[in-house]
Protein backbone atom coordinates (compact mmCIF):
# COMPACT_ATOMS: atom_id res chain seq x y z
CA MET A 1 7.67 -31.42 -0.57
CA LYS A 2 6.37 -28.02 0.07
CA ARG A 3 5.25 -25.83 -2.96
CA GLN A 4 5.35 -21.84 -3.04
CA LEU A 5 2.66 -21.21 -5.25
CA ASN A 6 2.27 -17.32 -5.74
CA VAL A 7 -0.91 -17.07 -7.71
CA PRO A 8 -2.61 -19.08 -5.52
CA ASN A 9 -1.08 -18.07 -1.95
CA ALA A 10 -2.06 -14.49 -2.75
CA MET A 11 -5.35 -15.74 -3.73
CA LEU A 12 -6.03 -17.41 -0.37
CA LEU A 13 -4.27 -14.84 1.77
CA THR A 14 -6.53 -12.26 0.43
CA SER A 15 -9.53 -14.33 0.98
CA VAL A 16 -8.48 -14.54 4.85
CA LEU A 17 -9.00 -10.70 4.70
CA ALA A 18 -12.32 -11.16 2.72
CA ALA A 19 -13.89 -13.38 5.01
CA CYS A 20 -14.23 -10.64 7.88
CA THR A 21 -16.91 -8.18 8.69
CA TRP A 22 -16.89 -4.19 9.93
CA LEU A 23 -18.84 -5.42 13.34
CA VAL A 24 -15.68 -6.19 15.20
CA GLN A 25 -14.65 -2.67 14.50
CA ALA A 26 -17.15 -0.32 15.92
CA ASP A 27 -17.07 0.94 19.30
CA GLN A 28 -16.57 -1.27 22.21
CA GLN A 29 -16.36 1.10 25.13
CA ASP A 30 -19.34 -0.49 26.92
CA HIS A 31 -17.85 -3.85 27.10
CA LYS A 32 -16.69 -4.63 30.32
CA ALA A 33 -13.77 -7.22 30.08
CA PRO A 34 -12.83 -10.15 32.28
CA ALA A 35 -10.04 -9.96 34.63
CA LEU A 36 -6.59 -9.99 32.96
CA SER A 37 -5.28 -12.68 35.22
CA GLN A 38 -8.41 -15.12 33.91
CA CYS A 39 -7.63 -14.56 30.15
CA ALA A 40 -4.25 -15.77 30.53
CA GLN A 41 -5.19 -18.24 32.95
CA ARG A 42 -7.82 -19.88 30.46
CA ILE A 43 -4.98 -19.96 27.59
CA LEU A 44 -2.39 -22.00 30.13
CA GLN A 45 -5.23 -24.05 30.93
CA HIS A 46 -5.87 -24.97 27.33
CA ILE A 47 -2.22 -25.43 26.64
CA LYS A 48 -1.52 -27.71 29.39
CA ARG A 49 -4.69 -29.87 28.25
CA GLY A 50 -3.04 -30.28 24.81
CA ASP A 51 -6.27 -28.22 23.31
CA VAL A 52 -4.22 -26.21 21.13
CA ARG A 53 -7.17 -24.51 19.01
CA LEU A 54 -8.87 -23.64 22.33
CA ALA A 55 -5.54 -21.95 23.09
CA ILE A 56 -5.45 -20.09 20.21
CA GLY A 57 -9.15 -18.78 20.47
CA ALA A 58 -8.37 -17.92 23.78
CA ALA A 59 -5.70 -15.63 22.68
CA ALA A 60 -7.67 -14.39 19.95
CA ASP A 61 -10.53 -13.22 22.52
CA TYR A 62 -7.82 -11.68 24.58
CA GLU A 63 -6.39 -9.72 21.74
CA LEU A 64 -9.86 -8.46 20.73
CA ASP A 65 -10.66 -7.49 24.16
CA LEU A 66 -7.66 -5.54 24.85
CA LEU A 67 -7.59 -3.09 21.69
CA GLY A 68 -11.38 -2.34 22.73
CA ARG A 69 -9.85 -1.05 25.87
CA TYR A 70 -8.49 2.21 24.40
CA GLN A 71 -10.50 5.28 24.41
CA PRO A 72 -12.12 5.73 20.81
CA PRO A 73 -10.55 8.60 18.83
CA SER A 74 -11.51 12.14 19.35
CA TYR A 75 -12.14 14.71 16.50
CA GLU A 76 -12.95 18.14 17.87
CA MET A 77 -12.67 21.44 15.79
CA GLY A 78 -10.81 19.83 13.21
CA LEU A 79 -8.44 18.26 15.22
CA PHE A 80 -8.05 14.50 15.28
CA GLN A 81 -6.24 12.33 18.11
CA ASP A 82 -6.03 8.65 19.03
CA GLU A 83 -4.17 6.90 21.78
CA ALA A 84 -4.09 3.33 20.20
CA THR A 85 -2.32 4.77 17.28
CA HIS A 86 -0.61 7.76 19.11
CA LEU A 87 -1.89 9.67 15.86
CA ALA A 88 -2.90 13.28 15.43
CA PHE A 89 -3.38 15.31 12.82
CA HIS A 90 -5.45 18.59 11.78
CA SER A 91 -8.03 18.34 9.37
CA PRO A 92 -9.20 21.02 6.76
CA PHE A 93 -12.13 19.19 6.35
CA VAL A 94 -13.62 21.23 8.99
CA ASP A 95 -17.01 22.03 7.25
CA TRP A 96 -17.49 18.29 6.61
CA LYS A 97 -19.42 16.41 9.21
CA ARG A 98 -18.24 13.25 11.05
CA LEU A 99 -20.10 9.79 10.32
CA ASP A 100 -19.48 6.39 11.85
CA ALA A 101 -18.12 2.90 9.80
CA LYS A 102 -21.71 1.84 9.96
CA LYS A 103 -23.14 4.85 8.32
CA LEU A 104 -20.07 4.95 5.91
CA ASP A 105 -21.09 1.50 4.21
CA LEU A 106 -17.39 0.27 4.14
CA PRO A 107 -16.90 -3.09 2.22
CA LYS A 108 -17.33 -5.46 5.47
CA GLU A 109 -13.96 -7.37 3.90
CA LEU A 110 -11.89 -4.16 4.77
CA LEU A 111 -12.14 -4.16 8.60
CA MET A 112 -10.73 -7.22 10.74
CA THR A 113 -8.69 -7.35 13.83
CA GLY A 114 -5.34 -5.44 12.94
CA VAL A 115 -7.28 -3.10 10.99
CA SER A 116 -9.17 -0.32 12.52
CA PHE A 117 -11.50 2.41 11.75
CA LEU A 118 -10.35 6.15 12.86
CA LEU A 119 -12.48 8.53 11.27
CA GLY A 120 -15.11 8.91 8.55
CA LEU A 121 -16.03 12.68 7.24
CA GLU A 122 -18.83 13.48 4.52
CA GLY A 123 -19.17 16.76 2.48
CA ALA A 124 -22.14 18.42 1.49
CA SER A 125 -22.70 15.57 -0.87
CA GLU A 126 -22.68 11.99 -0.37
CA GLU A 127 -19.98 11.74 -3.16
CA ASP A 128 -17.41 13.71 -0.80
CA ARG A 129 -15.97 11.55 1.82
CA LEU A 130 -12.90 10.80 3.74
CA VAL A 131 -12.21 7.52 5.53
CA VAL A 132 -9.05 6.96 7.96
CA MET A 133 -8.03 3.66 8.98
CA SER A 134 -5.18 2.30 10.68
CA ILE A 135 -3.30 -1.03 9.99
CA ASN A 136 -1.03 -2.85 12.52
CA LEU A 137 1.19 -4.69 10.71
CA LYS A 138 2.64 -6.96 13.11
CA GLN A 139 -0.80 -8.17 13.93
CA LEU A 140 -1.84 -8.38 10.20
CA GLU A 141 1.81 -10.27 9.05
CA ARG A 142 0.78 -12.73 11.77
CA ARG A 143 -2.61 -13.44 10.32
CA MET A 144 -1.73 -13.03 6.66
CA ALA A 145 1.36 -14.94 7.05
CA GLY A 146 1.49 -16.90 9.90
CA ASN A 147 4.79 -18.75 10.27
CA SER A 148 6.05 -17.15 7.20
CA SER A 149 8.99 -14.70 7.41
CA ASP A 150 9.25 -13.48 3.96
CA LEU A 151 6.17 -11.51 4.10
CA SER A 152 7.14 -7.83 5.44
CA LEU A 153 4.23 -5.41 5.11
CA SER A 154 6.33 -2.25 5.94
CA SER A 155 8.51 -2.74 2.90
CA ASP A 156 7.59 -1.19 -0.16
CA ARG A 157 6.50 -4.44 -1.57
CA GLY A 158 4.35 -4.88 1.45
CA LEU A 159 2.78 -1.50 1.12
CA LEU A 160 1.97 -2.26 -2.62
CA PHE A 161 0.60 -5.50 -1.63
CA ILE A 162 -1.88 -3.65 0.98
CA THR A 163 -2.73 -1.28 -1.92
CA GLN A 164 -3.75 -4.42 -3.94
CA MET A 165 -5.77 -5.61 -1.12
CA VAL A 166 -7.46 -2.51 -0.50
CA SER A 167 -8.16 -1.29 -4.12
CA GLY A 168 -9.73 -4.52 -5.10
CA GLN A 169 -12.79 -3.55 -2.74
CA PHE A 170 -13.12 -0.33 -4.47
CA GLY A 171 -12.05 -0.74 -7.99
CA VAL A 172 -8.51 -0.99 -9.66
CA ALA A 173 -5.25 0.58 -9.11
CA LYS A 174 -4.63 2.51 -12.33
CA SER A 175 -1.08 4.20 -11.04
CA HIS A 176 0.82 4.48 -7.93
CA GLN A 177 3.88 6.54 -6.98
CA PHE A 178 5.93 6.92 -3.88
CA LYS A 179 6.52 10.62 -2.94
CA ARG A 180 7.31 12.99 0.01
CA LEU A 181 4.33 14.75 1.91
CA GLY A 182 5.69 17.03 4.86
CA ASP A 183 8.06 14.84 6.71
CA TYR A 184 6.60 11.73 5.38
CA ARG A 185 7.12 9.09 2.56
CA VAL A 186 4.05 7.99 1.48
CA LEU A 187 2.45 5.70 -1.24
CA ASP A 188 -0.14 7.98 -3.77
CA VAL A 189 -2.55 5.52 -5.43
CA GLU A 190 -4.92 6.56 -7.76
CA LEU A 191 -8.15 4.06 -8.36
CA ALA A 192 -10.33 3.35 -11.04
CA PRO A 193 -13.88 2.96 -9.39
CA ALA A 194 -15.56 -0.50 -10.40
CA LEU A 195 -18.69 1.08 -11.16
CA ILE A 196 -18.85 4.62 -12.88
CA GLY A 197 -18.92 7.12 -9.96
CA PRO A 198 -16.90 9.67 -7.75
CA ASN A 199 -12.99 9.60 -8.00
CA LEU A 200 -11.21 7.79 -5.92
CA ARG A 201 -7.65 8.75 -4.25
CA MET A 202 -5.87 6.42 -1.34
CA ILE A 203 -2.61 7.80 0.60
CA LEU A 204 -0.80 5.03 2.81
CA LEU A 205 1.45 6.46 5.51
CA PRO A 206 3.72 4.02 6.92
CA HIS A 207 5.04 4.75 10.41
CA GLY A 208 6.86 2.13 12.54
CA GLY A 209 4.42 -1.05 12.83
CA THR A 210 1.56 1.29 11.67
CA THR A 211 0.10 2.06 8.39
CA ILE A 212 -2.37 4.78 8.36
CA LEU A 213 -4.92 4.56 5.19
CA PHE A 214 -6.69 7.90 3.97
CA LEU A 215 -9.22 7.09 1.40
CA LEU A 216 -10.75 9.85 -0.45
CA ARG A 217 -14.01 10.09 -2.65
CA SER A 218 -14.63 13.04 -4.60
CA ALA A 219 -16.90 14.44 -7.29
CA ALA A 220 -15.06 15.22 -10.13
CA GLY A 221 -15.71 19.16 -9.73
CA ASP A 222 -14.17 19.01 -6.46
CA PHE A 223 -11.59 16.61 -6.43
CA ALA A 224 -8.44 18.56 -7.30
CA SER A 225 -9.22 20.92 -4.21
CA ASN A 226 -10.45 18.44 -1.82
CA LEU A 227 -7.02 15.94 -2.81
CA GLU A 228 -5.12 19.14 -1.84
CA ARG A 229 -6.66 19.25 1.20
CA LEU A 230 -6.10 15.70 1.87
CA GLU A 231 -2.15 16.03 1.16
CA GLU A 232 -2.25 18.94 3.77
CA LEU A 233 -3.86 17.27 6.50
CA VAL A 234 -1.39 14.12 5.91
CA LYS A 235 1.61 16.75 6.22
CA THR A 236 0.01 17.91 9.44
CA ALA A 237 0.20 14.27 11.00
CA SER A 238 2.36 13.32 14.11
CA PHE A 239 2.59 10.00 16.17
CA ASP A 240 3.47 11.62 19.54
CA TYR A 241 -0.18 11.59 21.29
CA LYS A 242 0.23 9.77 24.21
CA PRO A 243 3.10 7.74 23.12
CA ALA A 244 3.87 4.42 24.13
CA ASN A 245 6.68 3.51 26.92
CA THR A 246 9.02 1.87 24.39
CA VAL A 247 11.55 1.50 27.39
CA ALA A 248 8.95 -0.56 29.39
CA ILE A 249 7.91 -2.42 26.31
CA GLY A 250 11.30 -3.15 25.46
CA ALA A 251 12.16 -4.35 29.05
CA ALA A 252 9.43 -6.41 29.74
CA ARG A 253 9.93 -8.27 25.94
CA ALA A 254 13.57 -8.82 26.63
CA LYS A 255 12.72 -10.89 29.77
CA SER A 256 10.59 -13.29 27.84
CA ASP A 257 11.63 -16.31 25.81
CA ARG A 258 9.82 -15.83 22.60
CA SER A 259 9.70 -19.56 21.66
CA SER A 260 8.00 -20.33 24.89
CA PRO A 261 4.20 -20.17 25.40
CA GLU A 262 4.23 -19.70 28.89
CA SER A 263 7.00 -16.94 28.69
CA LEU A 264 4.98 -14.98 26.16
CA ILE A 265 2.03 -15.21 28.54
CA GLU A 266 3.96 -13.74 31.27
CA CYS A 267 5.08 -10.76 28.70
CA VAL A 268 1.63 -10.46 27.88
CA GLU A 269 0.51 -9.69 31.72
CA ALA A 270 2.97 -7.59 32.23
CA LEU A 271 2.50 -5.28 29.12
CA ALA A 272 -1.30 -5.41 29.91
CA ALA A 273 -0.72 -4.43 33.42
CA LEU A 274 1.33 -1.20 32.00
CA GLY A 275 -1.88 -0.31 29.99
CA GLU A 276 0.33 -0.98 26.62
CA TYR A 277 -2.67 -2.62 24.98
CA THR A 278 -1.37 -2.50 21.34
CA ALA A 279 1.91 -3.95 22.36
CA THR A 280 0.20 -6.79 24.29
CA ALA A 281 -1.98 -7.38 21.22
CA GLU A 282 1.01 -7.82 19.15
CA ASP A 283 2.74 -10.33 21.47
CA LEU A 284 -0.65 -12.30 21.66
CA ALA A 285 -0.36 -12.52 17.83
CA ASP A 286 3.16 -13.90 18.33
CA LEU A 287 1.69 -16.51 20.87
CA ARG A 288 -1.45 -17.68 18.51
CA SER A 289 1.45 -17.79 15.71
CA LEU A 290 3.56 -19.96 17.94
CA LEU A 291 0.83 -22.38 18.93
CA HIS A 292 -0.18 -22.59 15.69
CA LYS A 293 2.97 -24.50 14.64
CA GLN A 294 1.70 -27.17 16.83
CA MET A 295 -1.23 -27.62 14.79
CA PRO A 296 -1.00 -30.98 12.15
CA GLY A 297 -0.22 -29.66 8.64
CA VAL A 298 -1.44 -31.41 5.50
CA LYS A 299 -0.23 -34.97 4.87
CA ILE A 300 0.54 -36.83 2.10
CA THR A 301 0.49 -40.80 1.89
CA GLY A 302 0.86 -42.55 -0.92
CA GLN A 303 -1.77 -41.00 -3.16
CA VAL A 304 -3.87 -39.43 -0.53
CA ALA A 305 -3.47 -35.81 1.08
CA SER A 306 -5.52 -35.25 4.31
CA PHE A 307 -6.00 -32.34 6.52
CA PRO A 308 -6.01 -33.96 9.94
CA ALA A 309 -7.56 -30.91 11.72
CA TYR A 310 -10.54 -30.32 9.61
CA GLY A 311 -11.35 -33.73 8.13
CA ILE A 312 -10.80 -33.29 4.86
CA THR A 313 -9.31 -35.80 2.43
CA VAL A 314 -8.14 -35.42 -0.98
CA LYS A 315 -7.36 -38.60 -3.43
CA ASN A 316 -5.24 -38.59 -6.21
CA PRO A 317 -7.60 -39.84 -8.94
CA ASP A 318 -4.77 -40.56 -11.59
CA PRO A 319 -1.34 -40.68 -10.48
CA ALA A 320 0.00 -40.85 -13.86
CA LYS A 321 -1.37 -37.23 -14.85
CA TRP A 322 -1.81 -35.52 -11.34
CA LYS A 323 1.09 -34.49 -8.89
CA PHE A 324 0.72 -33.67 -5.18
CA SER A 325 2.54 -30.80 -3.81
CA LEU A 326 2.10 -28.99 -0.38
CA ILE A 327 1.07 -25.28 0.24
CA ASN A 328 1.79 -24.37 4.01
CA ASP A 329 1.69 -20.74 4.75
CA GLY A 330 0.33 -19.91 8.16
CA PRO A 331 -3.36 -19.91 8.46
CA VAL A 332 -3.33 -21.20 4.79
CA THR A 333 -2.70 -24.85 3.96
CA GLY A 334 -3.68 -26.96 1.19
CA VAL A 335 -2.61 -29.41 -1.69
CA PHE A 336 -2.15 -28.54 -5.33
CA MET A 337 -2.89 -31.27 -8.07
CA GLU A 338 -0.64 -30.37 -10.93
CA ASP A 339 -1.34 -31.56 -14.40
CA GLN A 340 2.05 -33.26 -15.14
CA PHE A 341 1.36 -32.94 -19.05
CA SER A 342 0.66 -29.00 -18.97
CA VAL A 343 3.12 -26.39 -19.86
CA ASN A 344 1.19 -23.71 -18.18
CA GLU A 345 1.27 -25.14 -14.49
CA GLU A 346 -2.61 -25.99 -14.80
CA GLY A 347 -3.90 -27.81 -11.81
CA ILE A 348 -6.39 -27.84 -8.78
CA VAL A 349 -5.57 -26.39 -5.51
CA ILE A 350 -7.80 -27.49 -2.47
CA GLY A 351 -6.87 -24.94 0.18
CA VAL A 352 -8.02 -24.13 3.92
CA VAL A 353 -7.80 -20.59 5.47
CA ASP A 354 -8.25 -21.60 9.28
CA LEU A 355 -10.26 -18.59 10.30
CA PHE A 356 -10.45 -19.97 14.22
CA PHE A 357 -6.82 -19.36 13.94
CA ALA A 358 -7.02 -15.97 12.01
CA TYR A 359 -9.72 -14.27 13.92
CA GLY A 360 -10.99 -16.33 16.79
CA PRO A 361 -13.99 -17.85 18.31
CA GLN A 362 -15.80 -14.29 18.38
CA LEU A 363 -15.79 -14.03 14.63
CA VAL A 364 -16.10 -17.18 13.73
CA ARG A 365 -19.57 -17.26 15.19
CA LEU A 366 -20.47 -13.85 13.71
CA LEU A 367 -19.23 -15.35 10.34
CA ASN A 368 -21.74 -18.19 10.82
CA SER A 369 -24.58 -15.72 11.77
CA GLU A 370 -27.55 -16.14 9.58
CA GLU A 371 -27.15 -12.38 8.79
CA SER A 372 -23.57 -12.09 7.92
CA ALA A 373 -23.07 -15.69 6.28
CA LYS A 374 -24.21 -14.78 2.91
CA SER A 375 -22.35 -11.42 2.75
CA THR A 376 -19.20 -12.76 4.04
CA LEU A 377 -19.23 -15.80 1.61
CA ILE A 378 -19.44 -13.46 -1.19
CA GLY A 379 -16.75 -10.88 -0.10
CA ALA A 380 -14.55 -13.88 0.53
CA GLY A 381 -14.94 -14.93 -2.78
CA ARG A 382 -14.97 -11.65 -4.71
CA GLY A 383 -12.11 -10.33 -2.82
CA GLY A 384 -9.96 -13.23 -3.86
CA SER A 385 -11.44 -13.29 -7.08
CA THR A 386 -10.16 -9.84 -7.93
CA MET A 387 -6.65 -10.43 -6.86
CA LEU A 388 -6.49 -13.13 -9.61
CA GLY A 389 -7.61 -10.77 -12.68
CA SER A 390 -10.98 -9.44 -13.77
CA ILE A 391 -14.26 -11.43 -12.95
CA GLU A 392 -16.11 -12.88 -16.15
CA SER A 393 -19.10 -14.15 -14.20
CA GLU A 394 -20.06 -15.04 -10.54
CA ARG A 395 -22.97 -16.97 -8.87
CA LEU A 396 -24.06 -18.78 -5.52
CA THR A 397 -24.27 -22.40 -5.97
CA THR A 398 -23.89 -25.30 -3.20
CA LEU A 399 -21.13 -27.88 -2.47
CA ASN A 400 -21.61 -30.69 -0.46
CA GLY A 401 -24.64 -29.31 1.05
CA SER A 402 -23.09 -25.75 1.98
CA LEU A 403 -23.35 -22.61 0.21
CA ALA A 404 -20.72 -21.84 -2.16
CA TYR A 405 -19.36 -18.68 -4.18
CA GLU A 406 -18.38 -19.70 -7.41
CA SER A 407 -16.66 -16.92 -10.18
CA ILE A 408 -14.83 -17.21 -13.45
CA VAL A 409 -11.67 -15.20 -13.90
CA VAL A 410 -9.50 -14.10 -16.45
CA PRO A 411 -5.96 -13.92 -14.76
CA ASN A 412 -3.06 -12.32 -15.57
CA LEU A 413 -1.43 -15.58 -16.83
CA PRO A 414 -0.91 -16.47 -20.52
CA SER A 415 -3.22 -18.73 -22.24
CA LEU A 416 -5.14 -19.57 -18.74
CA LYS A 417 -8.57 -18.96 -17.18
CA ALA A 418 -9.44 -19.81 -13.36
CA ARG A 419 -12.48 -20.82 -11.28
CA VAL A 420 -12.96 -20.06 -8.00
CA GLN A 421 -15.15 -21.73 -5.32
CA TRP A 422 -15.20 -20.70 -1.95
CA VAL A 423 -17.13 -22.36 1.10
CA ASN A 424 -17.49 -21.40 4.57
CA CYS A 425 -17.40 -24.33 6.80
CA THR A 426 -17.92 -22.88 10.47
CA ASP A 427 -14.82 -22.67 11.46
CA TYR A 428 -12.46 -22.79 8.29
CA GLY A 429 -12.82 -21.42 4.59
CA LEU A 430 -12.44 -24.06 1.85
CA MET A 431 -11.05 -22.96 -1.70
CA ILE A 432 -11.30 -24.82 -4.71
CA LEU A 433 -9.34 -23.05 -7.18
CA LEU A 434 -8.81 -24.26 -10.95
CA PHE A 435 -6.40 -23.36 -13.41
CA GLY A 436 -7.22 -24.26 -16.94
CA ASP A 437 -6.67 -23.84 -20.68
CA ALA A 438 -8.80 -21.05 -21.94
CA ARG A 439 -9.39 -22.62 -25.36
CA GLU A 440 -10.93 -25.73 -23.58
CA PHE A 441 -11.73 -24.27 -20.08
CA ASP A 442 -15.43 -26.01 -20.02
CA ALA A 443 -14.06 -29.59 -20.53
CA LYS A 444 -11.61 -28.53 -17.49
CA ILE A 445 -14.38 -27.63 -15.86
CA ALA A 446 -16.55 -30.95 -15.83
CA GLU A 447 -13.38 -32.71 -15.43
CA CYS A 448 -12.46 -30.78 -11.84
CA ASP A 449 -16.14 -31.15 -10.90
CA ARG A 450 -15.63 -34.91 -11.32
CA ILE A 451 -12.64 -35.05 -9.31
CA VAL A 452 -13.88 -33.16 -6.45
CA ARG A 453 -17.16 -35.17 -6.63
CA ASP A 454 -15.56 -38.52 -6.44
CA ASN A 455 -12.22 -37.86 -4.57
CA VAL A 456 -12.39 -34.71 -2.31
CA SER A 457 -14.50 -35.25 0.90
CA TRP A 458 -15.03 -32.68 3.95
CA PRO A 459 -17.37 -32.64 6.91
CA THR A 460 -21.21 -31.20 6.33
CA PRO A 461 -21.87 -27.82 7.88
CA ALA A 462 -21.70 -27.29 11.51
CA SER A 463 -19.55 -29.91 12.49
CA GLY A 464 -19.71 -30.75 16.57
CA VAL A 465 -15.90 -29.73 16.84
CA ALA A 466 -16.55 -26.46 15.50
CA SER A 467 -19.47 -25.94 17.61
CA ALA A 468 -17.64 -26.75 20.80
CA LEU A 469 -14.48 -24.41 19.83
CA ILE A 470 -17.04 -21.32 19.27
CA GLN A 471 -18.95 -22.24 22.38
CA HIS A 472 -15.61 -22.06 24.46
CA SER A 473 -15.37 -18.11 23.56
CA SER A 474 -16.03 -16.22 26.95
CA LEU A 475 -16.47 -13.00 25.17
CA GLN A 476 -19.56 -11.93 23.98
CA LEU A 477 -20.17 -10.53 20.27
CA LYS A 478 -19.80 -6.74 20.30
CA PRO A 479 -18.20 -4.03 18.40
CA THR A 480 -14.85 -2.72 19.07
CA ARG A 481 -13.18 0.23 18.18
């Protein structure tokens, strides 16, 4: 049977975001893309051969490349314009200098495919900064929810989820309110920084399939005036800069069969020919989600759970005590071993986040590069841990020969503690999550360690399958927008 676990699933979904890096969002205007027809033909070839994961990877490469074809955002004399989001606004921060993403030192976990850095500004002091980013909700929903239909990031609930996801990288959301700024209904979030530092404020502006995120950091003495300036900026926002040809986009999509990969690819080609790269990338996200449905999920046979796509096996150490149930939500698959004698839903989650599906071979290669592996590992574990509650302690360790992140978390659950372990396994992320009685948590950890050691197996690092998948990526690692 399938099981919906709100806490573990939210944990794993956040870790998808946390396993990324800002390099994918920097400027890619010097990258010469392959011909569109070649990209489409490559996807079709993999589909015909039955190589579903390679087809997914080729679609991811195509999607990433398309978004890099837009001109980078312009910012002159306080006027901001961006053709990808059609956003324009007048900034009162004309006395602040412009910074790129690298100099802003943003958390690497924030910037991923579907989330784009638009503008960075800095005042006279490094304490005063403004960051503007866009979130393509359709692309993000496909990565976060995969085949799930109950996650709408454009809803109030979705905006609050994004708030939780983003604020965890900077501190804690102290309060939030929906309010109007000019013509827009926005979500205004007050953040408490993780460490003593400047005040933080975040404003989310939803518009159609895009949410614009404004993040203000300012010293206490100037915070009120800078916040007032930010609110004035938001009021000037418009989404009519080089508007999308919605009629042509709708006509192209109306001709397609959304349940057919071949028909979706034809639609993708038609949209790309129109120069509507955002719409094209959204349809490629649909294609990847459709292909992912063909991937084998976790199977439970008797007292053994197997992950055929990843070579992972989990044996039930004691059927009288432990009960298996499935977690299957888009890129997140796994099994929950529930302690049947617990009144507090204690147990162990063995979960997998398919990074190849979520981000594609370019980013998988990046995540496994020597310079990025450690930081992305820490970001993945820490980002997910903060979604569960407050981190009591954290460290790096090893599991089955792989470097692993480990934390002890005090969750927002009565009488329970949690331990998070995250391993980057070349083309997927492995999560081992323990929920146990806080009063005897050390004993629960020892029991979990024995179970994992004796009953859970997964391939050693750098498997041949993963290496082959990555090598099939046709594009070189270069930054995008």
